[in-house]
PDB file of N, CA and C in Angstrom:
ATOM      1  N   MET A   1      -8.924   2.781  35.629  1.00  0.00           N
ATOM      2  CA  MET A   1      -8.390   1.444  35.418  1.00  0.00           C
ATOM      3  C   MET A   1      -6.951   1.564  34.919  1.00  0.00           C
ATOM      4  N   PRO A   2      -5.982   1.012  35.619  1.00  0.00           N
ATOM      5  CA  PRO A   2      -4.581   1.138  35.216  1.00  0.00           C
ATOM      6  C   PRO A   2      -4.281   0.344  33.947  1.00  0.00           C
ATOM      7  N   GLN A   3      -3.403   0.916  33.146  1.00  0.00           N
ATOM      8  CA  GLN A   3      -3.031   0.233  31.908  1.00  0.00           C
ATOM      9  C   GLN A   3      -1.851  -0.673  32.172  1.00  0.00           C
ATOM     10  N   ASP A   4      -1.763  -1.720  31.381  1.00  0.00           N
ATOM     11  CA  ASP A   4      -0.642  -2.641  31.475  1.00  0.00           C
ATOM     12  C   ASP A   4       0.583  -1.982  30.849  1.00  0.00           C
ATOM     13  N   ASN A   5       1.631  -1.773  31.645  1.00  0.00           N
ATOM     14  CA  ASN A   5       2.838  -1.121  31.140  1.00  0.00           C
ATOM     15  C   ASN A   5       3.517  -1.907  30.031  1.00  0.00           C
ATOM     16  N   GLN A   6       3.301  -3.210  29.978  1.00  0.00           N
ATOM     17  CA  GLN A   6       3.936  -4.007  28.937  1.00  0.00           C
ATOM     18  C   GLN A   6       3.443  -3.621  27.545  1.00  0.00           C
ATOM     19  N   GLU A   7       2.278  -3.043  27.459  1.00  0.00           N
ATOM     20  CA  GLU A   7       1.767  -2.603  26.166  1.00  0.00           C
ATOM     21  C   GLU A   7       2.630  -1.491  25.582  1.00  0.00           C
ATOM     22  N   LEU A   8       3.330  -0.756  26.446  1.00  0.00           N
ATOM     23  CA  LEU A   8       4.142   0.363  25.993  1.00  0.00           C
ATOM     24  C   LEU A   8       5.536  -0.070  25.550  1.00  0.00           C
ATOM     25  N   CYS A   9       5.907  -1.316  25.800  1.00  0.00           N
ATOM     26  CA  CYS A   9       7.232  -1.802  25.424  1.00  0.00           C
ATOM     27  C   CYS A   9       7.240  -2.188  23.946  1.00  0.00           C
ATOM     28  N   TYR A  10       8.284  -1.765  23.258  1.00  0.00           N
ATOM     29  CA  TYR A  10       8.436  -2.112  21.847  1.00  0.00           C
ATOM     30  C   TYR A  10       9.919  -2.080  21.513  1.00  0.00           C
ATOM     31  N   ASP A  11      10.276  -2.728  20.435  1.00  0.00           N
ATOM     32  CA  ASP A  11      11.662  -2.693  19.992  1.00  0.00           C
ATOM     33  C   ASP A  11      11.916  -1.358  19.326  1.00  0.00           C
ATOM     34  N   PRO A  12      12.943  -0.640  19.753  1.00  0.00           N
ATOM     35  CA  PRO A  12      13.239   0.638  19.092  1.00  0.00           C
ATOM     36  C   PRO A  12      13.688   0.387  17.658  1.00  0.00           C
ATOM     37  N   PRO A  13      13.445   1.343  16.766  1.00  0.00           N
ATOM     38  CA  PRO A  13      13.885   1.161  15.387  1.00  0.00           C
ATOM     39  C   PRO A  13      15.402   1.133  15.306  1.00  0.00           C
ATOM     40  N   GLU A  14      15.900   0.400  14.331  1.00  0.00           N
ATOM     41  CA  GLU A  14      17.344   0.333  14.112  1.00  0.00           C
ATOM     42  C   GLU A  14      17.821   1.646  13.508  1.00  0.00           C
ATOM     43  N   LEU A  15      18.930   2.168  14.000  1.00  0.00           N
ATOM     44  CA  LEU A  15      19.498   3.411  13.492  1.00  0.00           C
ATOM     45  C   LEU A  15      20.861   3.091  12.889  1.00  0.00           C
ATOM     46  N   VAL A  16      21.026   3.373  11.611  1.00  0.00           N
ATOM     47  CA  VAL A  16      22.249   3.038  10.890  1.00  0.00           C
ATOM     48  C   VAL A  16      22.934   4.329  10.454  1.00  0.00           C
ATOM     49  N   ALA A  17      24.215   4.472  10.811  1.00  0.00           N
ATOM     50  CA  ALA A  17      24.992   5.631  10.366  1.00  0.00           C
ATOM     51  C   ALA A  17      25.500   5.370   8.956  1.00  0.00           C
ATOM     52  N   VAL A  18      25.443   6.391   8.103  1.00  0.00           N
ATOM     53  CA  VAL A  18      25.910   6.281   6.724  1.00  0.00           C
ATOM     54  C   VAL A  18      27.011   7.307   6.515  1.00  0.00           C
ATOM     55  N   CYS A  19      28.161   6.844   6.018  1.00  0.00           N
ATOM     56  CA  CYS A  19      29.288   7.743   5.768  1.00  0.00           C
ATOM     57  C   CYS A  19      29.548   7.838   4.274  1.00  0.00           C
ATOM     58  N   ARG A  20      30.206   8.917   3.877  1.00  0.00           N
ATOM     59  CA  ARG A  20      30.663   9.058   2.497  1.00  0.00           C
ATOM     60  C   ARG A  20      32.010   9.760   2.515  1.00  0.00           C
ATOM     61  N   GLU A  21      32.756   9.595   1.440  1.00  0.00           N
ATOM     62  CA  GLU A  21      34.073  10.208   1.368  1.00  0.00           C
ATOM     63  C   GLU A  21      33.955  11.658   0.915  1.00  0.00           C
ATOM     64  N   ASP A  22      34.749  12.531   1.545  1.00  0.00           N
ATOM     65  CA  ASP A  22      34.794  13.924   1.104  1.00  0.00           C
ATOM     66  C   ASP A  22      35.872  14.072   0.028  1.00  0.00           C
ATOM     67  N   GLU A  23      36.153  15.303  -0.368  1.00  0.00           N
ATOM     68  CA  GLU A  23      37.105  15.570  -1.448  1.00  0.00           C
ATOM     69  C   GLU A  23      38.503  15.043  -1.140  1.00  0.00           C
ATOM     70  N   ASP A  24      38.843  14.953   0.141  1.00  0.00           N
ATOM     71  CA  ASP A  24      40.166  14.496   0.553  1.00  0.00           C
ATOM     72  C   ASP A  24      40.229  12.990   0.783  1.00  0.00           C
ATOM     73  N   GLY A  25      39.141  12.304   0.506  1.00  0.00           N
ATOM     74  CA  GLY A  25      39.102  10.861   0.718  1.00  0.00           C
ATOM     75  C   GLY A  25      38.828  10.449   2.148  1.00  0.00           C
ATOM     76  N   GLU A  26      38.482  11.424   2.997  1.00  0.00           N
ATOM     77  CA  GLU A  26      38.168  11.141   4.403  1.00  0.00           C
ATOM     78  C   GLU A  26      36.699  10.752   4.532  1.00  0.00           C
ATOM     79  N   GLU A  27      36.432   9.786   5.405  1.00  0.00           N
ATOM     80  CA  GLU A  27      35.052   9.387   5.655  1.00  0.00           C
ATOM     81  C   GLU A  27      34.377  10.421   6.548  1.00  0.00           C
ATOM     82  N   GLN A  28      33.227  10.897   6.133  1.00  0.00           N
ATOM     83  CA  GLN A  28      32.446  11.867   6.891  1.00  0.00           C
ATOM     84  C   GLN A  28      31.038  11.312   7.091  1.00  0.00           C
ATOM     85  N   LEU A  29      30.432  11.682   8.210  1.00  0.00           N
ATOM     86  CA  LEU A  29      29.059  11.261   8.453  1.00  0.00           C
ATOM     87  C   LEU A  29      28.137  11.951   7.462  1.00  0.00           C
ATOM     88  N   ALA A  30      27.425  11.165   6.677  1.00  0.00           N
ATOM     89  CA  ALA A  30      26.469  11.727   5.725  1.00  0.00           C
ATOM     90  C   ALA A  30      25.093  11.857   6.366  1.00  0.00           C
ATOM     91  N   GLY A  31      24.792  10.972   7.301  1.00  0.00           N
ATOM     92  CA  GLY A  31      23.499  11.010   7.958  1.00  0.00           C
ATOM     93  C   GLY A  31      23.187   9.675   8.599  1.00  0.00           C
ATOM     94  N   TRP A  32      21.943   9.512   8.982  1.00  0.00           N
ATOM     95  CA  TRP A  32      21.488   8.286   9.609  1.00  0.00           C
ATOM     96  C   TRP A  32      20.254   7.800   8.881  1.00  0.00           C
ATOM     97  N   VAL A  33      20.035   6.497   8.974  1.00  0.00           N
ATOM     98  CA  VAL A  33      18.802   5.909   8.464  1.00  0.00           C
ATOM     99  C   VAL A  33      18.129   5.197   9.624  1.00  0.00           C
ATOM    100  N   MET A  34      16.875   5.550   9.877  1.00  0.00           N
ATOM    101  CA  MET A  34      16.079   4.849  10.865  1.00  0.00           C
ATOM    102  C   MET A  34      15.263   3.800  10.124  1.00  0.00           C
ATOM    103  N   VAL A  35      15.476   2.543  10.482  1.00  0.00           N
ATOM    104  CA  VAL A  35      14.803   1.450   9.794  1.00  0.00           C
ATOM    105  C   VAL A  35      13.546   1.082  10.573  1.00  0.00           C
ATOM    106  N   LEU A  36      12.409   1.286   9.942  1.00  0.00           N
ATOM    107  CA  LEU A  36      11.120   0.943  10.534  1.00  0.00           C
ATOM    108  C   LEU A  36      10.646  -0.369   9.932  1.00  0.00           C
ATOM    109  N   SER A  37       9.534  -0.869  10.388  1.00  0.00           N
ATOM    110  CA  SER A  37       9.060  -2.161   9.895  1.00  0.00           C
ATOM    111  C   SER A  37       8.659  -2.116   8.429  1.00  0.00           C
ATOM    112  N   ASP A  38       8.181  -0.965   7.953  1.00  0.00           N
ATOM    113  CA  ASP A  38       7.703  -0.907   6.574  1.00  0.00           C
ATOM    114  C   ASP A  38       8.345   0.215   5.764  1.00  0.00           C
ATOM    115  N   ALA A  39       9.372   0.861   6.295  1.00  0.00           N
ATOM    116  CA  ALA A  39      10.010   1.963   5.577  1.00  0.00           C
ATOM    117  C   ALA A  39      11.359   2.268   6.215  1.00  0.00           C
ATOM    118  N   ALA A  40      12.097   3.131   5.558  1.00  0.00           N
ATOM    119  CA  ALA A  40      13.356   3.636   6.113  1.00  0.00           C
ATOM    120  C   ALA A  40      13.308   5.153   6.006  1.00  0.00           C
ATOM    121  N   VAL A  41      13.724   5.834   7.058  1.00  0.00           N
ATOM    122  CA  VAL A  41      13.691   7.289   7.076  1.00  0.00           C
ATOM    123  C   VAL A  41      15.127   7.792   7.110  1.00  0.00           C
ATOM    124  N   ALA A  42      15.490   8.630   6.134  1.00  0.00           N
ATOM    125  CA  ALA A  42      16.843   9.180   6.065  1.00  0.00           C
ATOM    126  C   ALA A  42      16.879  10.515   6.789  1.00  0.00           C
ATOM    127  N   TYR A  43      17.886  10.703   7.615  1.00  0.00           N
ATOM    128  CA  TYR A  43      18.101  11.944   8.347  1.00  0.00           C
ATOM    129  C   TYR A  43      19.478  12.490   7.996  1.00  0.00           C
ATOM    130  N   VAL A  44      19.602  13.789   7.897  1.00  0.00           N
ATOM    131  CA  VAL A  44      20.901  14.410   7.676  1.00  0.00           C
ATOM    132  C   VAL A  44      21.233  15.264   8.891  1.00  0.00           C
ATOM    133  N   PRO A  45      22.516  15.276   9.304  1.00  0.00           N
ATOM    134  CA  PRO A  45      22.883  16.091  10.451  1.00  0.00           C
ATOM    135  C   PRO A  45      22.933  17.564  10.073  1.00  0.00           C
ATOM    136  N   ASP A  46      22.473  18.423  10.980  1.00  0.00           N
ATOM    137  CA  ASP A  46      22.607  19.856  10.746  1.00  0.00           C
ATOM    138  C   ASP A  46      23.828  20.372  11.507  1.00  0.00           C
ATOM    139  N   ARG A  47      24.060  21.652  11.494  1.00  0.00           N
ATOM    140  CA  ARG A  47      25.256  22.205  12.134  1.00  0.00           C
ATOM    141  C   ARG A  47      25.281  21.989  13.638  1.00  0.00           C
ATOM    142  N   ASN A  48      24.129  21.815  14.230  1.00  0.00           N
ATOM    143  CA  ASN A  48      24.060  21.606  15.675  1.00  0.00           C
ATOM    144  C   ASN A  48      24.160  20.130  16.049  1.00  0.00           C
ATOM    145  N   GLY A  49      24.290  19.268  15.042  1.00  0.00           N
ATOM    146  CA  GLY A  49      24.392  17.846  15.312  1.00  0.00           C
ATOM    147  C   GLY A  49      23.058  17.148  15.449  1.00  0.00           C
ATOM    148  N   HIS A  50      21.976  17.883  15.246  1.00  0.00           N
ATOM    149  CA  HIS A  50      20.657  17.265  15.291  1.00  0.00           C
ATOM    150  C   HIS A  50      20.313  16.733  13.909  1.00  0.00           C
ATOM    151  N   GLY A  51      19.346  15.867  13.845  1.00  0.00           N
ATOM    152  CA  GLY A  51      18.958  15.313  12.558  1.00  0.00           C
ATOM    153  C   GLY A  51      17.729  15.985  11.999  1.00  0.00           C
ATOM    154  N   ALA A  52      17.741  16.234  10.710  1.00  0.00           N
ATOM    155  CA  ALA A  52      16.572  16.756  10.014  1.00  0.00           C
ATOM    156  C   ALA A  52      16.122  15.690   9.025  1.00  0.00           C
ATOM    157  N   MET A  53      14.834  15.376   9.030  1.00  0.00           N
ATOM    158  CA  MET A  53      14.357  14.316   8.151  1.00  0.00           C
ATOM    159  C   MET A  53      14.547  14.721   6.699  1.00  0.00           C
ATOM    160  N   LEU A  54      15.171  13.845   5.938  1.00  0.00           N
ATOM    161  CA  LEU A  54      15.407  14.100   4.533  1.00  0.00           C
ATOM    162  C   LEU A  54      14.300  13.491   3.689  1.00  0.00           C
ATOM    163  N   SER A  55      14.028  12.238   3.923  1.00  0.00           N
ATOM    164  CA  SER A  55      13.047  11.564   3.093  1.00  0.00           C
ATOM    165  C   SER A  55      12.666  10.239   3.731  1.00  0.00           C
ATOM    166  N   THR A  56      11.458   9.782   3.423  1.00  0.00           N
ATOM    167  CA  THR A  56      11.033   8.444   3.814  1.00  0.00           C
ATOM    168  C   THR A  56      11.051   7.589   2.564  1.00  0.00           C
ATOM    169  N   LEU A  57      11.767   6.498   2.630  1.00  0.00           N
ATOM    170  CA  LEU A  57      11.947   5.646   1.466  1.00  0.00           C
ATOM    171  C   LEU A  57      11.503   4.225   1.806  1.00  0.00           C
ATOM    172  N   SER A  58      11.435   3.400   0.788  1.00  0.00           N
ATOM    173  CA  SER A  58      10.888   2.070   0.994  1.00  0.00           C
ATOM    174  C   SER A  58      11.878   1.079   1.570  1.00  0.00           C
ATOM    175  N   SER A  59      13.175   1.411   1.565  1.00  0.00           N
ATOM    176  CA  SER A  59      14.147   0.436   2.050  1.00  0.00           C
ATOM    177  C   SER A  59      15.382   1.118   2.595  1.00  0.00           C
ATOM    178  N   LEU A  60      16.126   0.372   3.402  1.00  0.00           N
ATOM    179  CA  LEU A  60      17.389   0.856   3.940  1.00  0.00           C
ATOM    180  C   LEU A  60      18.364   1.147   2.805  1.00  0.00           C
ATOM    181  N   ALA A  61      18.431   0.277   1.812  1.00  0.00           N
ATOM    182  CA  ALA A  61      19.365   0.475   0.697  1.00  0.00           C
ATOM    183  C   ALA A  61      19.071   1.773  -0.044  1.00  0.00           C
ATOM    184  N   ALA A  62      17.816   2.076  -0.277  1.00  0.00           N
ATOM    185  CA  ALA A  62      17.455   3.309  -0.982  1.00  0.00           C
ATOM    186  C   ALA A  62      17.832   4.526  -0.153  1.00  0.00           C
ATOM    187  N   ALA A  63      17.591   4.475   1.141  1.00  0.00           N
ATOM    188  CA  ALA A  63      17.929   5.601   2.008  1.00  0.00           C
ATOM    189  C   ALA A  63      19.444   5.787   2.083  1.00  0.00           C
ATOM    190  N   GLU A  64      20.190   4.689   2.120  1.00  0.00           N
ATOM    191  CA  GLU A  64      21.651   4.786   2.123  1.00  0.00           C
ATOM    192  C   GLU A  64      22.162   5.426   0.838  1.00  0.00           C
ATOM    193  N   ARG A  65      21.567   5.082  -0.298  1.00  0.00           N
ATOM    194  CA  ARG A  65      21.992   5.671  -1.576  1.00  0.00           C
ATOM    195  C   ARG A  65      21.781   7.186  -1.569  1.00  0.00           C
ATOM    196  N   VAL A  66      20.661   7.620  -1.024  1.00  0.00           N
ATOM    197  CA  VAL A  66      20.373   9.056  -0.970  1.00  0.00           C
ATOM    198  C   VAL A  66      21.439   9.778  -0.154  1.00  0.00           C
ATOM    199  N   LEU A  67      21.771   9.228   1.007  1.00  0.00           N
ATOM    200  CA  LEU A  67      22.740   9.881   1.877  1.00  0.00           C
ATOM    201  C   LEU A  67      24.157   9.795   1.318  1.00  0.00           C
ATOM    202  N   ARG A  68      24.509   8.645   0.766  1.00  0.00           N
ATOM    203  CA  ARG A  68      25.880   8.434   0.334  1.00  0.00           C
ATOM    204  C   ARG A  68      26.193   9.165  -0.958  1.00  0.00           C
ATOM    205  N   TYR A  69      25.246   9.160  -1.872  1.00  0.00           N
ATOM    206  CA  TYR A  69      25.522   9.695  -3.206  1.00  0.00           C
ATOM    207  C   TYR A  69      24.667  10.902  -3.565  1.00  0.00           C
ATOM    208  N   GLY A  70      23.739  11.281  -2.695  1.00  0.00           N
ATOM    209  CA  GLY A  70      22.874  12.404  -2.992  1.00  0.00           C
ATOM    210  C   GLY A  70      21.867  12.085  -4.088  1.00  0.00           C
ATOM    211  N   GLU A  71      21.606  10.806  -4.274  1.00  0.00           N
ATOM    212  CA  GLU A  71      20.705  10.387  -5.344  1.00  0.00           C
ATOM    213  C   GLU A  71      19.310  10.142  -4.785  1.00  0.00           C
ATOM    214  N   LEU A  72      18.345  10.792  -5.362  1.00  0.00           N
ATOM    215  CA  LEU A  72      16.956  10.508  -5.028  1.00  0.00           C
ATOM    216  C   LEU A  72      16.361   9.810  -6.238  1.00  0.00           C
ATOM    217  N   TYR A  73      16.184   8.539  -6.141  1.00  0.00           N
ATOM    218  CA  TYR A  73      15.764   7.744  -7.291  1.00  0.00           C
ATOM    219  C   TYR A  73      14.306   8.016  -7.656  1.00  0.00           C
ATOM    220  N   LEU A  74      14.060   8.081  -8.935  1.00  0.00           N
ATOM    221  CA  LEU A  74      12.708   8.371  -9.427  1.00  0.00           C
ATOM    222  C   LEU A  74      11.705   7.340  -8.946  1.00  0.00           C
ATOM    223  N   ALA A  75      12.126   6.096  -8.897  1.00  0.00           N
ATOM    224  CA  ALA A  75      11.205   5.045  -8.469  1.00  0.00           C
ATOM    225  C   ALA A  75      10.796   5.240  -7.009  1.00  0.00           C
ATOM    226  N   GLU A  76      11.696   5.802  -6.207  1.00  0.00           N
ATOM    227  CA  GLU A  76      11.381   6.021  -4.801  1.00  0.00           C
ATOM    228  C   GLU A  76      10.499   7.249  -4.614  1.00  0.00           C
ATOM    229  N   SER A  77      10.788   8.311  -5.361  1.00  0.00           N
ATOM    230  CA  SER A  77      10.076   9.560  -5.146  1.00  0.00           C
ATOM    231  C   SER A  77       8.750   9.621  -5.900  1.00  0.00           C
ATOM    232  N   GLY A  78       8.608   8.758  -6.915  1.00  0.00           N
ATOM    233  CA  GLY A  78       7.392   8.774  -7.698  1.00  0.00           C
ATOM    234  C   GLY A  78       7.357   9.892  -8.715  1.00  0.00           C
ATOM    235  N   SER A  79       8.461  10.610  -8.871  1.00  0.00           N
ATOM    236  CA  SER A  79       8.541  11.737  -9.791  1.00  0.00           C
ATOM    237  C   SER A  79       8.939  11.250 -11.174  1.00  0.00           C
ATOM    238  N   THR A  80       8.522  11.974 -12.189  1.00  0.00           N
ATOM    239  CA  THR A  80       8.889  11.607 -13.555  1.00  0.00           C
ATOM    240  C   THR A  80       9.794  12.641 -14.186  1.00  0.00           C
ATOM    241  N   SER A  81      10.146  13.682 -13.446  1.00  0.00           N
ATOM    242  CA  SER A  81      10.994  14.726 -14.024  1.00  0.00           C
ATOM    243  C   SER A  81      12.452  14.490 -13.698  1.00  0.00           C
TER     244      SER A  81
END
């Protein structure tokens, strides 16, 4: 029985580039955030230009903070140390 191809159609997740300033004040790509319906996933670029998953966070703002400032907030990670 053939499947309905429309079932396979979905909106792709939003991908947001996050930049930060380097020591010289130049904007550099810090990584990307993939915004899902219930979470945001932060990715950092590696030397080959591919993305490696950094963390899954509860919001785009939290993921942007991690990439921009290198901050992993305790409330997001659930850690107490």
